[in-house]
Amino acid sequence: MQCAHHGLATGPDGQCALCHRDERAIQRAVMRGRDPARTLAIVLVAIMAAIATFFLVGAVLDTR
């Protein structure tokens, strides 16, 4: 059997190596950014940076 899109030999599932590669690339793109631990870490770092900036600006602008 040959792949209808690429003209290459297919495996038992009817897809060639290029079809499998495209499918995996699409799955990786869809799943990118959906790691909850990574999202939580980014949010925590952003909150900590905002708090640090608030206190640094407060210390610099303190007129006492």
Protein backbone atom coordinates (compact mmCIF):
# COMPACT_ATOMS: atom_id res chain seq x y z
CA MET A 1 0.00 0.00 0.00
CA GLN A 2 1.03 3.59 -0.58
CA CYS A 3 0.14 6.76 1.24
CA ALA A 4 -2.37 8.85 -0.69
CA HIS A 5 -0.68 12.12 0.33
CA HIS A 6 3.03 11.31 0.08
CA GLY A 7 3.22 8.23 -2.14
CA LEU A 8 5.33 6.34 0.41
CA ALA A 9 4.88 2.84 1.77
CA THR A 10 2.46 2.66 4.66
CA GLY A 11 2.43 0.70 7.86
CA PRO A 12 -0.35 -1.54 9.16
CA ASP A 13 -2.37 1.53 10.19
CA GLY A 14 -2.35 2.95 6.65
CA GLN A 15 -0.09 5.94 7.38
CA CYS A 16 3.44 6.57 6.15
CA ALA A 17 6.32 7.91 8.24
CA LEU A 18 5.66 11.50 7.13
CA CYS A 19 2.00 11.24 8.16
CA HIS A 20 3.08 9.98 11.61
CA ARG A 21 5.61 12.82 11.93
CA ASP A 22 2.99 15.42 11.03
CA GLU A 23 0.53 13.90 13.50
CA ARG A 24 3.09 13.97 16.34
CA ALA A 25 4.02 17.59 15.53
CA ILE A 26 0.38 18.62 15.72
CA GLN A 27 -0.08 16.81 19.04
CA ARG A 28 3.02 18.51 20.51
CA ALA A 29 1.78 21.92 19.37
CA VAL A 30 -1.64 21.33 20.90
CA MET A 31 -0.22 20.11 24.20
CA ARG A 32 2.36 22.90 24.48
CA GLY A 33 1.61 25.21 27.38
CA ARG A 34 -0.88 22.88 29.05
CA ASP A 35 1.45 21.62 31.76
CA PRO A 36 -0.23 22.72 35.01
CA ALA A 37 2.99 22.62 37.05
CA ARG A 38 4.74 24.90 34.56
CA THR A 39 1.80 27.30 34.50
CA LEU A 40 1.72 27.42 38.30
CA ALA A 41 5.46 28.09 38.47
CA ILE A 42 5.18 30.95 35.99
CA VAL A 43 2.29 32.51 37.91
CA LEU A 44 4.14 32.23 41.23
CA VAL A 45 7.29 33.82 39.80
CA ALA A 46 5.23 36.64 38.29
CA ILE A 47 3.50 37.32 41.62
CA MET A 48 6.82 37.30 43.48
CA ALA A 49 8.33 39.69 40.93
CA ALA A 50 5.37 42.05 41.30
CA ILE A 51 5.67 42.04 45.10
CA ALA A 52 9.43 42.63 44.91
CA THR A 53 8.92 45.50 42.47
CA PHE A 54 6.28 47.04 44.74
CA PHE A 55 8.62 47.01 47.74
CA LEU A 56 11.64 48.24 45.76
CA VAL A 57 9.69 51.17 44.34
CA GLY A 58 8.33 51.90 47.81
CA ALA A 59 11.85 51.91 49.26
CA VAL A 60 13.21 54.18 46.54
CA LEU A 61 10.34 56.66 46.74
CA ASP A 62 10.16 56.72 50.54
CA THR A 63 10.48 60.34 51.65
CA ARG A 64 10.80 59.82 55.38
